[in-house]
Amino acid sequence: MLDVSGKQERRDRQRPGLKGKHMSDKNHATVAVTGVTGALGSRIAARLADHGVPQLLVGRTPDRMPELPGAQRRGPAAYADAADMRRALQGASTLILVSGHRTGRRLEEHATAVEAAIAVGVGRVLYVSLVSAAPTATYVNARDQWLTEQFLAGTEIRHTVLRAGFYAATPAALANEELVVSGPAPTGRAAFVTHEDIADVITAVAIEDGPRSEHDGATLEITGPEALTLDEAVTRIAAATGRPYRYEPETLEEAFARRWRLGMSGEQIETWISWYQAIERGEVSVVTDVVPRLTGSPATPISNAAWWPAPNTARGTAELRRKHS
């Protein structure tokens, strides 16, 4: 999953379905949430706080974590540091594990975090993976996600795999200063999903208290309501924002050459091109009913996304912008 950074224009809304599941009058078990300084983890934590769920916010930079009622900041704790993760997860019953960045050792890092959770008595893991996760997935990040899924399946801990579709916000973050999104995906489709919908689904699963859940051992694919080409998606972003975003297709050779000239690393070039190619090959075009089924509300069309990141704020391009500024 491509990470999106930058200032968020938040227009979050509470789903009627989730309102119906509010259980502040119950004594919730404690949920540990990772990735809370990012766009997805912060939303999950905020929703759990709205439901009165006690939380442990776990990460490498506690001072950047949000201040939420009923939440304790824990850390610094990196996935790869078993001792720090055990300390940070002490007292949690459920761990929401938001996938870390691509490091070349993501499986080992995720496995260390899960083993730390098991060691301190955490009973359930909710793992945020990717739609199309597979050992031969086109998108390189989806291969790492599949490896973690397989690791979880080999443990005895209760777990649910939540496969998120490509973010609706990513095309806007990929745009350059002229608001052009360029990449080798002229005809493929993706069921872009909002951060809010993903967070709502994860919250719905997380607040299910009890020793068992109907979602134990399940893989839930969280998608938007329709599969769009990149041109269609970017056109809708332009209409929603009132800004002239546009999509320009590239060949694979053009995509490589342009990114190389910009100064991207080979790893980042591979990641970006494989993201586009996963769309082109239809690997992220599946549309599911997971959002309406678990939240009680329809999946959000890309035109109605709650926020749009600034151009050049996706991982890789953001670093280049800072380097050249």
C-alpha atoms as a PDB file:
ATOM      1  CA  MET A   1       0.000   0.000   0.000  1.00  0.00           C
ATOM      2  CA  LEU A   2       1.409   3.371  -0.943  1.00  0.00           C
ATOM      3  CA  ASP A   3       1.681   5.676   2.028  1.00  0.00           C
ATOM      4  CA  VAL A   4       0.160   9.108   1.892  1.00  0.00           C
ATOM      5  CA  SER A   5       1.491  11.881   4.097  1.00  0.00           C
ATOM      6  CA  GLY A   6       0.863  15.599   4.380  1.00  0.00           C
ATOM      7  CA  LYS A   7      -1.825  17.726   5.982  1.00  0.00           C
ATOM      8  CA  GLN A   8      -5.251  16.153   5.974  1.00  0.00           C
ATOM      9  CA  GLU A   9      -8.409  18.084   5.297  1.00  0.00           C
ATOM     10  CA  ARG A  10     -10.625  16.103   7.653  1.00  0.00           C
ATOM     11  CA  ARG A  11     -14.353  15.876   7.109  1.00  0.00           C
ATOM     12  CA  ASP A  12     -14.907  12.590   8.923  1.00  0.00           C
ATOM     13  CA  ARG A  13     -18.437  11.435   9.513  1.00  0.00           C
ATOM     14  CA  GLN A  14     -19.857   8.854  11.866  1.00  0.00           C
ATOM     15  CA  ARG A  15     -21.564   5.988  10.083  1.00  0.00           C
ATOM     16  CA  PRO A  16     -25.098   5.159  11.187  1.00  0.00           C
ATOM     17  CA  GLY A  17     -24.165   1.469  11.264  1.00  0.00           C
ATOM     18  CA  LEU A  18     -21.294   2.083  13.630  1.00  0.00           C
ATOM     19  CA  LYS A  19     -23.387   4.378  15.790  1.00  0.00           C
ATOM     20  CA  GLY A  20     -25.669   1.425  16.287  1.00  0.00           C
ATOM     21  CA  LYS A  21     -22.713  -0.576  17.568  1.00  0.00           C
ATOM     22  CA  HIS A  22     -21.601   1.995  20.138  1.00  0.00           C
ATOM     23  CA  MET A  23     -21.058   0.102  23.357  1.00  0.00           C
ATOM     24  CA  SER A  24     -19.741   2.711  25.790  1.00  0.00           C
ATOM     25  CA  ASP A  25     -21.858   1.130  28.510  1.00  0.00           C
ATOM     26  CA  LYS A  26     -19.790  -2.073  28.276  1.00  0.00           C
ATOM     27  CA  ASN A  27     -16.397  -2.730  29.762  1.00  0.00           C
ATOM     28  CA  HIS A  28     -14.195  -3.094  26.717  1.00  0.00           C
ATOM     29  CA  ALA A  29     -10.988  -5.044  26.640  1.00  0.00           C
ATOM     30  CA  THR A  30      -7.918  -2.985  25.760  1.00  0.00           C
ATOM     31  CA  VAL A  31      -6.938  -2.657  22.112  1.00  0.00           C
ATOM     32  CA  ALA A  32      -3.379  -1.860  21.008  1.00  0.00           C
ATOM     33  CA  VAL A  33      -3.181   0.121  17.761  1.00  0.00           C
ATOM     34  CA  THR A  34      -0.039   0.617  15.693  1.00  0.00           C
ATOM     35  CA  GLY A  35       0.564   3.177  12.973  1.00  0.00           C
ATOM     36  CA  VAL A  36      -1.350   5.879  14.850  1.00  0.00           C
ATOM     37  CA  THR A  37       0.796   8.700  13.448  1.00  0.00           C
ATOM     38  CA  GLY A  38      -0.333   7.754   9.937  1.00  0.00           C
ATOM     39  CA  ALA A  39      -3.490   8.457   7.978  1.00  0.00           C
ATOM     40  CA  LEU A  40      -5.114   5.084   8.639  1.00  0.00           C
ATOM     41  CA  GLY A  41      -3.974   4.280  12.168  1.00  0.00           C
ATOM     42  CA  SER A  42      -4.993   7.715  13.434  1.00  0.00           C
ATOM     43  CA  ARG A  43      -8.512   7.203  12.114  1.00  0.00           C
ATOM     44  CA  ILE A  44      -8.821   3.767  13.668  1.00  0.00           C
ATOM     45  CA  ALA A  45      -7.693   5.112  17.036  1.00  0.00           C
ATOM     46  CA  ALA A  46     -10.127   8.052  16.865  1.00  0.00           C
ATOM     47  CA  ARG A  47     -13.054   5.758  16.114  1.00  0.00           C
ATOM     48  CA  LEU A  48     -12.191   3.378  18.918  1.00  0.00           C
ATOM     49  CA  ALA A  49     -12.002   6.356  21.284  1.00  0.00           C
ATOM     50  CA  ASP A  50     -15.474   7.417  20.130  1.00  0.00           C
ATOM     51  CA  HIS A  51     -16.694   3.962  21.167  1.00  0.00           C
ATOM     52  CA  GLY A  52     -15.144   4.239  24.603  1.00  0.00           C
ATOM     53  CA  VAL A  53     -12.583   1.522  23.929  1.00  0.00           C
ATOM     54  CA  PRO A  54      -9.438   1.702  26.105  1.00  0.00           C
ATOM     55  CA  GLN A  55      -6.366   1.775  23.883  1.00  0.00           C
ATOM     56  CA  LEU A  56      -2.614   1.467  23.830  1.00  0.00           C
ATOM     57  CA  LEU A  57      -1.159   3.625  21.060  1.00  0.00           C
ATOM     58  CA  VAL A  58       2.051   1.907  19.996  1.00  0.00           C
ATOM     59  CA  GLY A  59       4.827   3.343  17.852  1.00  0.00           C
ATOM     60  CA  ARG A  60       8.324   4.705  17.472  1.00  0.00           C
ATOM     61  CA  THR A  61       7.438   8.349  18.208  1.00  0.00           C
ATOM     62  CA  PRO A  62       5.023   8.678  21.136  1.00  0.00           C
ATOM     63  CA  ASP A  63       5.226  12.484  21.100  1.00  0.00           C
ATOM     64  CA  ARG A  64       3.605  12.498  17.649  1.00  0.00           C
ATOM     65  CA  MET A  65       0.703  10.298  18.699  1.00  0.00           C
ATOM     66  CA  PRO A  66      -2.774  11.802  19.076  1.00  0.00           C
ATOM     67  CA  GLU A  67      -4.204  12.578  22.483  1.00  0.00           C
ATOM     68  CA  LEU A  68      -7.403  10.571  22.835  1.00  0.00           C
ATOM     69  CA  PRO A  69      -9.666   9.766  25.792  1.00  0.00           C
ATOM     70  CA  GLY A  70      -8.933   6.378  27.272  1.00  0.00           C
ATOM     71  CA  ALA A  71      -5.687   6.008  25.314  1.00  0.00           C
ATOM     72  CA  GLN A  72      -2.165   5.497  26.634  1.00  0.00           C
ATOM     73  CA  ARG A  73       0.885   6.263  24.515  1.00  0.00           C
ATOM     74  CA  ARG A  74       3.394   3.422  24.482  1.00  0.00           C
ATOM     75  CA  GLY A  75       6.894   3.465  23.033  1.00  0.00           C
ATOM     76  CA  PRO A  76       9.261   4.108  21.480  1.00  0.00           C
ATOM     77  CA  ALA A  77       8.575   0.665  20.053  1.00  0.00           C
ATOM     78  CA  ALA A  78       9.580  -0.452  16.566  1.00  0.00           C
ATOM     79  CA  TYR A  79       8.189  -3.684  15.130  1.00  0.00           C
ATOM     80  CA  ALA A  80      11.681  -5.161  14.908  1.00  0.00           C
ATOM     81  CA  ASP A  81      12.459  -4.605  18.611  1.00  0.00           C
ATOM     82  CA  ALA A  82      10.959  -7.544  20.468  1.00  0.00           C
ATOM     83  CA  ALA A  83      11.653  -6.233  23.991  1.00  0.00           C
ATOM     84  CA  ASP A  84      10.178  -2.800  23.288  1.00  0.00           C
ATOM     85  CA  MET A  85       7.129  -4.335  21.622  1.00  0.00           C
ATOM     86  CA  ARG A  86       6.522  -6.624  24.595  1.00  0.00           C
ATOM     87  CA  ARG A  87       6.618  -3.648  26.950  1.00  0.00           C
ATOM     88  CA  ALA A  88       4.355  -1.585  24.702  1.00  0.00           C
ATOM     89  CA  LEU A  89       1.760  -4.343  24.277  1.00  0.00           C
ATOM     90  CA  GLN A  90       1.543  -5.326  27.948  1.00  0.00           C
ATOM     91  CA  GLY A  91      -2.112  -5.283  28.998  1.00  0.00           C
ATOM     92  CA  ALA A  92      -3.675  -5.437  25.519  1.00  0.00           C
ATOM     93  CA  SER A  93      -6.148  -8.134  24.518  1.00  0.00           C
ATOM     94  CA  THR A  94      -6.308  -7.232  20.792  1.00  0.00           C
ATOM     95  CA  LEU A  95      -3.559  -5.920  18.529  1.00  0.00           C
ATOM     96  CA  ILE A  96      -4.431  -3.963  15.399  1.00  0.00           C
ATOM     97  CA  LEU A  97      -1.293  -4.354  13.303  1.00  0.00           C
ATOM     98  CA  VAL A  98      -1.091  -1.755  10.543  1.00  0.00           C
ATOM     99  CA  SER A  99       1.521  -2.881   8.039  1.00  0.00           C
ATOM    100  CA  GLY A 100       4.889  -1.175   8.299  1.00  0.00           C
ATOM    101  CA  HIS A 101       6.833   0.456   5.496  1.00  0.00           C
ATOM    102  CA  ARG A 102       8.737  -1.613   2.984  1.00  0.00           C
ATOM    103  CA  THR A 103      12.176  -2.254   4.455  1.00  0.00           C
ATOM    104  CA  GLY A 104      13.257  -5.524   2.882  1.00  0.00           C
ATOM    105  CA  ARG A 105      12.569  -7.239   6.226  1.00  0.00           C
ATOM    106  CA  ARG A 106       8.884  -6.493   6.671  1.00  0.00           C
ATOM    107  CA  LEU A 107       7.936 -10.121   7.298  1.00  0.00           C
ATOM    108  CA  GLU A 108      10.541 -10.412  10.034  1.00  0.00           C
ATOM    109  CA  GLU A 109       9.374  -7.136  11.596  1.00  0.00           C
ATOM    110  CA  HIS A 110       5.708  -8.124  11.535  1.00  0.00           C
ATOM    111  CA  ALA A 111       6.536 -11.589  12.905  1.00  0.00           C
ATOM    112  CA  THR A 112       8.508 -10.028  15.770  1.00  0.00           C
ATOM    113  CA  ALA A 113       5.546  -7.802  16.659  1.00  0.00           C
ATOM    114  CA  VAL A 114       3.100 -10.721  16.593  1.00  0.00           C
ATOM    115  CA  GLU A 115       5.395 -12.928  18.664  1.00  0.00           C
ATOM    116  CA  ALA A 116       5.761 -10.113  21.199  1.00  0.00           C
ATOM    117  CA  ALA A 117       1.972  -9.885  21.389  1.00  0.00           C
ATOM    118  CA  ILE A 118       1.654 -13.618  21.984  1.00  0.00           C
ATOM    119  CA  ALA A 119       4.367 -13.491  24.657  1.00  0.00           C
ATOM    120  CA  VAL A 120       2.463 -10.921  26.756  1.00  0.00           C
ATOM    121  CA  GLY A 121      -0.934 -12.593  26.414  1.00  0.00           C
ATOM    122  CA  VAL A 122      -2.596 -10.680  23.571  1.00  0.00           C
ATOM    123  CA  GLY A 123      -5.405 -12.918  22.366  1.00  0.00           C
ATOM    124  CA  ARG A 124      -6.221 -11.577  18.914  1.00  0.00           C
ATOM    125  CA  VAL A 125      -4.503  -9.849  16.001  1.00  0.00           C
ATOM    126  CA  LEU A 126      -6.274  -7.786  13.340  1.00  0.00           C
ATOM    127  CA  TYR A 127      -3.796  -7.448  10.492  1.00  0.00           C
ATOM    128  CA  VAL A 128      -4.188  -4.733   7.851  1.00  0.00           C
ATOM    129  CA  SER A 129      -3.079  -6.280   4.579  1.00  0.00           C
ATOM    130  CA  LEU A 130      -3.699  -5.514   0.898  1.00  0.00           C
ATOM    131  CA  VAL A 131      -6.260  -6.578  -1.663  1.00  0.00           C
ATOM    132  CA  SER A 132      -4.486  -8.920  -4.129  1.00  0.00           C
ATOM    133  CA  ALA A 133      -1.927 -10.086  -1.546  1.00  0.00           C
ATOM    134  CA  ALA A 134      -0.265 -13.141  -3.095  1.00  0.00           C
ATOM    135  CA  PRO A 135       3.210 -14.629  -3.495  1.00  0.00           C
ATOM    136  CA  THR A 136       3.297 -13.567  -7.148  1.00  0.00           C
ATOM    137  CA  ALA A 137       1.361 -10.297  -6.853  1.00  0.00           C
ATOM    138  CA  THR A 138       2.366  -7.581  -9.289  1.00  0.00           C
ATOM    139  CA  TYR A 139       2.474  -4.926  -6.580  1.00  0.00           C
ATOM    140  CA  VAL A 140       5.607  -5.659  -4.584  1.00  0.00           C
ATOM    141  CA  ASN A 141       4.075  -4.578  -1.265  1.00  0.00           C
ATOM    142  CA  ALA A 142       1.297  -7.151  -1.708  1.00  0.00           C
ATOM    143  CA  ARG A 143       3.896  -9.945  -1.696  1.00  0.00           C
ATOM    144  CA  ASP A 144       5.151  -8.862   1.737  1.00  0.00           C
ATOM    145  CA  GLN A 145       1.564  -8.744   2.989  1.00  0.00           C
ATOM    146  CA  TRP A 146       0.919 -12.293   1.820  1.00  0.00           C
ATOM    147  CA  LEU A 147       3.987 -13.504   3.686  1.00  0.00           C
ATOM    148  CA  THR A 148       2.682 -11.969   6.916  1.00  0.00           C
ATOM    149  CA  GLU A 149      -0.739 -13.526   6.306  1.00  0.00           C
ATOM    150  CA  GLN A 150       0.922 -16.924   5.988  1.00  0.00           C
ATOM    151  CA  PHE A 151       2.902 -16.358   9.171  1.00  0.00           C
ATOM    152  CA  LEU A 152      -0.273 -15.501  11.077  1.00  0.00           C
ATOM    153  CA  ALA A 153      -2.025 -18.586   9.717  1.00  0.00           C
ATOM    154  CA  GLY A 154       0.767 -20.696  11.183  1.00  0.00           C
ATOM    155  CA  THR A 155       0.322 -19.315  14.705  1.00  0.00           C
ATOM    156  CA  GLU A 156      -2.344 -20.325  17.176  1.00  0.00           C
ATOM    157  CA  ILE A 157      -3.463 -16.754  17.923  1.00  0.00           C
ATOM    158  CA  ARG A 158      -6.937 -15.650  16.876  1.00  0.00           C
ATOM    159  CA  HIS A 159      -6.620 -13.332  13.906  1.00  0.00           C
ATOM    160  CA  THR A 160      -8.475 -11.598  11.110  1.00  0.00           C
ATOM    161  CA  VAL A 161      -6.861 -10.397   7.896  1.00  0.00           C
ATOM    162  CA  LEU A 162      -8.293  -7.092   6.656  1.00  0.00           C
ATOM    163  CA  ARG A 163      -7.188  -6.571   3.063  1.00  0.00           C
ATOM    164  CA  ALA A 164      -7.521  -2.907   2.156  1.00  0.00           C
ATOM    165  CA  GLY A 165      -7.955  -1.771  -1.429  1.00  0.00           C
ATOM    166  CA  PHE A 166      -5.840   0.994  -2.913  1.00  0.00           C
ATOM    167  CA  TYR A 167      -6.484   4.298  -1.163  1.00  0.00           C
ATOM    168  CA  ALA A 168      -8.830   6.765  -2.852  1.00  0.00           C
ATOM    169  CA  ALA A 169      -6.450   9.531  -1.735  1.00  0.00           C
ATOM    170  CA  THR A 170      -3.352   8.095  -3.420  1.00  0.00           C
ATOM    171  CA  PRO A 171      -3.880   9.508  -6.944  1.00  0.00           C
ATOM    172  CA  ALA A 172      -4.072  13.029  -5.512  1.00  0.00           C
ATOM    173  CA  ALA A 173      -0.869  12.455  -3.540  1.00  0.00           C
ATOM    174  CA  LEU A 174       0.837  11.132  -6.679  1.00  0.00           C
ATOM    175  CA  ALA A 175       0.079  14.256  -8.698  1.00  0.00           C
ATOM    176  CA  ASN A 176       2.934  16.639  -9.490  1.00  0.00           C
ATOM    177  CA  GLU A 177       2.899  20.416  -9.053  1.00  0.00           C
ATOM    178  CA  GLU A 178       0.812  20.733 -12.226  1.00  0.00           C
ATOM    179  CA  LEU A 179      -1.686  18.233 -10.753  1.00  0.00           C
ATOM    180  CA  VAL A 180      -0.775  15.588 -13.346  1.00  0.00           C
ATOM    181  CA  VAL A 181      -0.849  11.918 -12.368  1.00  0.00           C
ATOM    182  CA  SER A 182       1.390   9.911 -14.722  1.00  0.00           C
ATOM    183  CA  GLY A 183       1.824   6.155 -14.837  1.00  0.00           C
ATOM    184  CA  PRO A 184       1.544   2.980 -16.926  1.00  0.00           C
ATOM    185  CA  ALA A 185      -2.099   2.025 -16.286  1.00  0.00           C
ATOM    186  CA  PRO A 186      -4.239   3.314 -19.186  1.00  0.00           C
ATOM    187  CA  THR A 187      -7.020   0.702 -19.161  1.00  0.00           C
ATOM    188  CA  GLY A 188      -6.939  -1.186 -15.846  1.00  0.00           C
ATOM    189  CA  ARG A 189      -9.340  -0.600 -12.978  1.00  0.00           C
ATOM    190  CA  ALA A 190      -9.187  -0.356  -9.194  1.00  0.00           C
ATOM    191  CA  ALA A 191     -11.905  -0.269  -6.531  1.00  0.00           C
ATOM    192  CA  PHE A 192     -10.390   2.703  -4.686  1.00  0.00           C
ATOM    193  CA  VAL A 193     -11.467   2.849  -1.036  1.00  0.00           C
ATOM    194  CA  THR A 194     -11.359   5.716   1.443  1.00  0.00           C
ATOM    195  CA  HIS A 195      -9.328   5.699   4.639  1.00  0.00           C
ATOM    196  CA  GLU A 196     -12.581   6.344   6.505  1.00  0.00           C
ATOM    197  CA  ASP A 197     -14.258   3.190   5.160  1.00  0.00           C
ATOM    198  CA  ILE A 198     -11.240   1.050   6.015  1.00  0.00           C
ATOM    199  CA  ALA A 199     -11.109   2.479   9.535  1.00  0.00           C
ATOM    200  CA  ASP A 200     -14.844   1.907   9.997  1.00  0.00           C
ATOM    201  CA  VAL A 201     -14.592  -1.756   9.011  1.00  0.00           C
ATOM    202  CA  ILE A 202     -11.604  -2.372  11.281  1.00  0.00           C
ATOM    203  CA  THR A 203     -13.411  -0.646  14.143  1.00  0.00           C
ATOM    204  CA  ALA A 204     -16.492  -2.808  13.602  1.00  0.00           C
ATOM    205  CA  VAL A 205     -14.381  -5.947  13.917  1.00  0.00           C
ATOM    206  CA  ALA A 206     -12.310  -4.624  16.831  1.00  0.00           C
ATOM    207  CA  ILE A 207     -15.282  -3.771  19.044  1.00  0.00           C
ATOM    208  CA  GLU A 208     -16.616  -7.323  18.901  1.00  0.00           C
ATOM    209  CA  ASP A 209     -15.873  -8.408  22.447  1.00  0.00           C
ATOM    210  CA  GLY A 210     -15.846 -11.992  23.566  1.00  0.00           C
ATOM    211  CA  PRO A 211     -13.732 -15.127  23.258  1.00  0.00           C
ATOM    212  CA  ARG A 212     -14.825 -15.769  19.679  1.00  0.00           C
ATOM    213  CA  SER A 213     -15.821 -13.777  16.614  1.00  0.00           C
ATOM    214  CA  GLU A 214     -17.417 -14.757  13.336  1.00  0.00           C
ATOM    215  CA  HIS A 215     -14.403 -13.078  11.730  1.00  0.00           C
ATOM    216  CA  ASP A 216     -11.773 -15.254  13.410  1.00  0.00           C
ATOM    217  CA  GLY A 217      -9.626 -16.751  10.662  1.00  0.00           C
ATOM    218  CA  ALA A 218     -11.403 -14.711   7.992  1.00  0.00           C
ATOM    219  CA  THR A 219      -9.940 -12.587   5.221  1.00  0.00           C
ATOM    220  CA  LEU A 220     -12.038  -9.467   4.581  1.00  0.00           C
ATOM    221  CA  GLU A 221     -11.387  -7.498   1.400  1.00  0.00           C
ATOM    222  CA  ILE A 222     -12.302  -3.835   1.932  1.00  0.00           C
ATOM    223  CA  THR A 223     -13.042  -2.003  -1.317  1.00  0.00           C
ATOM    224  CA  GLY A 224     -14.816   1.001  -2.724  1.00  0.00           C
ATOM    225  CA  PRO A 225     -18.212   0.729  -4.432  1.00  0.00           C
ATOM    226  CA  GLU A 226     -16.950   0.542  -8.027  1.00  0.00           C
ATOM    227  CA  ALA A 227     -13.872  -0.220 -10.075  1.00  0.00           C
ATOM    228  CA  LEU A 228     -12.535   2.855 -11.889  1.00  0.00           C
ATOM    229  CA  THR A 229      -9.784   3.493 -14.388  1.00  0.00           C
ATOM    230  CA  LEU A 230      -7.166   5.969 -13.237  1.00  0.00           C
ATOM    231  CA  ASP A 231      -8.504   8.494 -15.721  1.00  0.00           C
ATOM    232  CA  GLU A 232     -11.995   8.125 -14.224  1.00  0.00           C
ATOM    233  CA  ALA A 233     -10.671   8.322 -10.663  1.00  0.00           C
ATOM    234  CA  VAL A 234      -8.554  11.415 -11.316  1.00  0.00           C
ATOM    235  CA  THR A 235     -11.416  13.087 -13.198  1.00  0.00           C
ATOM    236  CA  ARG A 236     -13.646  12.581 -10.147  1.00  0.00           C
ATOM    237  CA  ILE A 237     -10.983  13.946  -7.845  1.00  0.00           C
ATOM    238  CA  ALA A 238     -10.796  17.032 -10.064  1.00  0.00           C
ATOM    239  CA  ALA A 239     -14.557  17.497  -9.872  1.00  0.00           C
ATOM    240  CA  ALA A 240     -14.608  16.961  -6.094  1.00  0.00           C
ATOM    241  CA  THR A 241     -11.787  19.396  -5.388  1.00  0.00           C
ATOM    242  CA  GLY A 242     -12.452  21.965  -8.122  1.00  0.00           C
ATOM    243  CA  ARG A 243      -8.795  21.650  -9.159  1.00  0.00           C
ATOM    244  CA  PRO A 244      -7.554  20.570 -12.621  1.00  0.00           C
ATOM    245  CA  TYR A 245      -6.140  17.135 -11.795  1.00  0.00           C
ATOM    246  CA  ARG A 246      -5.605  14.968 -14.858  1.00  0.00           C
ATOM    247  CA  TYR A 247      -4.169  11.575 -15.695  1.00  0.00           C
ATOM    248  CA  GLU A 248      -1.538  11.035 -18.385  1.00  0.00           C
ATOM    249  CA  PRO A 249      -0.628   7.451 -19.321  1.00  0.00           C
ATOM    250  CA  GLU A 250       3.004   6.426 -19.679  1.00  0.00           C
ATOM    251  CA  THR A 251       4.730   3.409 -21.147  1.00  0.00           C
ATOM    252  CA  LEU A 252       6.801   1.309 -18.765  1.00  0.00           C
ATOM    253  CA  GLU A 253       9.950   2.746 -20.314  1.00  0.00           C
ATOM    254  CA  GLU A 254       8.718   6.316 -19.905  1.00  0.00           C
ATOM    255  CA  ALA A 255       7.662   5.621 -16.325  1.00  0.00           C
ATOM    256  CA  PHE A 256      11.106   4.300 -15.430  1.00  0.00           C
ATOM    257  CA  ALA A 257      13.052   7.061 -17.218  1.00  0.00           C
ATOM    258  CA  ARG A 258      11.061   9.912 -15.690  1.00  0.00           C
ATOM    259  CA  ARG A 259      11.386   8.597 -12.145  1.00  0.00           C
ATOM    260  CA  TRP A 260      15.088   7.907 -12.605  1.00  0.00           C
ATOM    261  CA  ARG A 261      15.648  11.467 -13.790  1.00  0.00           C
ATOM    262  CA  LEU A 262      13.811  12.707 -10.694  1.00  0.00           C
ATOM    263  CA  GLY A 263      16.330  10.873  -8.517  1.00  0.00           C
ATOM    264  CA  MET A 264      14.152   8.056  -7.173  1.00  0.00           C
ATOM    265  CA  SER A 265      15.865   4.959  -5.847  1.00  0.00           C
ATOM    266  CA  GLY A 266      15.498   1.701  -7.720  1.00  0.00           C
ATOM    267  CA  GLU A 267      13.342   0.329  -4.910  1.00  0.00           C
ATOM    268  CA  GLN A 268      10.957   3.291  -5.105  1.00  0.00           C
ATOM    269  CA  ILE A 269      10.777   3.050  -8.905  1.00  0.00           C
ATOM    270  CA  GLU A 270       9.886  -0.630  -8.635  1.00  0.00           C
ATOM    271  CA  THR A 271       7.241   0.109  -6.003  1.00  0.00           C
ATOM    272  CA  TRP A 272       5.564   2.886  -7.997  1.00  0.00           C
ATOM    273  CA  ILE A 273       5.567   1.070 -11.319  1.00  0.00           C
ATOM    274  CA  SER A 274       4.269  -2.134  -9.750  1.00  0.00           C
ATOM    275  CA  TRP A 275       1.407  -0.135  -8.132  1.00  0.00           C
ATOM    276  CA  TYR A 276       0.304   1.088 -11.552  1.00  0.00           C
ATOM    277  CA  GLN A 277       0.789  -2.301 -13.145  1.00  0.00           C
ATOM    278  CA  ALA A 278      -1.359  -4.014 -10.494  1.00  0.00           C
ATOM    279  CA  ILE A 279      -4.151  -1.670 -11.578  1.00  0.00           C
ATOM    280  CA  GLU A 280      -3.482  -2.306 -15.262  1.00  0.00           C
ATOM    281  CA  ARG A 281      -3.607  -6.072 -14.778  1.00  0.00           C
ATOM    282  CA  GLY A 282      -6.916  -5.942 -12.883  1.00  0.00           C
ATOM    283  CA  GLU A 283      -5.489  -7.291  -9.639  1.00  0.00           C
ATOM    284  CA  VAL A 284      -7.207  -4.637  -7.486  1.00  0.00           C
ATOM    285  CA  SER A 285     -10.483  -4.331  -9.382  1.00  0.00           C
ATOM    286  CA  VAL A 286     -12.579  -6.617  -7.166  1.00  0.00           C
ATOM    287  CA  VAL A 287     -15.626  -4.945  -5.574  1.00  0.00           C
ATOM    288  CA  THR A 288     -16.922  -6.490  -2.343  1.00  0.00           C
ATOM    289  CA  ASP A 289     -19.801  -5.896   0.085  1.00  0.00           C
ATOM    290  CA  VAL A 290     -17.563  -5.781   3.166  1.00  0.00           C
ATOM    291  CA  VAL A 291     -18.047  -2.060   3.872  1.00  0.00           C
ATOM    292  CA  PRO A 292     -21.872  -2.046   3.822  1.00  0.00           C
ATOM    293  CA  ARG A 293     -22.093  -5.448   5.487  1.00  0.00           C
ATOM    294  CA  LEU A 294     -19.939  -4.525   8.475  1.00  0.00           C
ATOM    295  CA  THR A 295     -20.733  -0.823   8.858  1.00  0.00           C
ATOM    296  CA  GLY A 296     -24.376  -0.632   7.808  1.00  0.00           C
ATOM    297  CA  SER A 297     -23.665   2.113   5.246  1.00  0.00           C
ATOM    298  CA  PRO A 298     -22.701   2.007   1.564  1.00  0.00           C
ATOM    299  CA  ALA A 299     -19.059   2.220   0.583  1.00  0.00           C
ATOM    300  CA  THR A 300     -17.996   5.804  -0.124  1.00  0.00           C
ATOM    301  CA  PRO A 301     -17.541   6.824  -3.772  1.00  0.00           C
ATOM    302  CA  ILE A 302     -14.186   8.420  -4.513  1.00  0.00           C
ATOM    303  CA  SER A 303     -15.996  11.700  -5.258  1.00  0.00           C
ATOM    304  CA  ASN A 304     -17.155  11.835  -1.629  1.00  0.00           C
ATOM    305  CA  ALA A 305     -13.811  11.138   0.051  1.00  0.00           C
ATOM    306  CA  ALA A 306     -13.400  13.129   3.258  1.00  0.00           C
ATOM    307  CA  TRP A 307      -9.972  14.609   2.482  1.00  0.00           C
ATOM    308  CA  TRP A 308      -7.407  15.055  -0.257  1.00  0.00           C
ATOM    309  CA  PRO A 309      -3.651  15.157   0.355  1.00  0.00           C
ATOM    310  CA  ALA A 310      -1.463  17.758  -1.295  1.00  0.00           C
ATOM    311  CA  PRO A 311       0.368  16.860  -4.524  1.00  0.00           C
ATOM    312  CA  ASN A 312       3.753  15.165  -4.245  1.00  0.00           C
ATOM    313  CA  THR A 313       3.063  13.772  -0.777  1.00  0.00           C
ATOM    314  CA  ALA A 314       3.069  10.037  -1.488  1.00  0.00           C
ATOM    315  CA  ARG A 315       6.031   8.117  -0.091  1.00  0.00           C
ATOM    316  CA  GLY A 316       9.006   8.571  -2.386  1.00  0.00           C
ATOM    317  CA  THR A 317       7.830  11.752  -4.065  1.00  0.00           C
ATOM    318  CA  ALA A 318       7.575  13.524  -0.709  1.00  0.00           C
ATOM    319  CA  GLU A 319      11.177  12.625   0.088  1.00  0.00           C
ATOM    320  CA  LEU A 320      12.329  13.904  -3.315  1.00  0.00           C
ATOM    321  CA  ARG A 321      10.495  17.188  -2.822  1.00  0.00           C
ATOM    322  CA  ARG A 322      12.201  17.724   0.543  1.00  0.00           C
ATOM    323  CA  LYS A 323      15.573  16.797  -0.939  1.00  0.00           C
ATOM    324  CA  HIS A 324      15.229  19.306  -3.775  1.00  0.00           C
ATOM    325  CA  SER A 325      13.752  22.124  -1.685  1.00  0.00           C
END
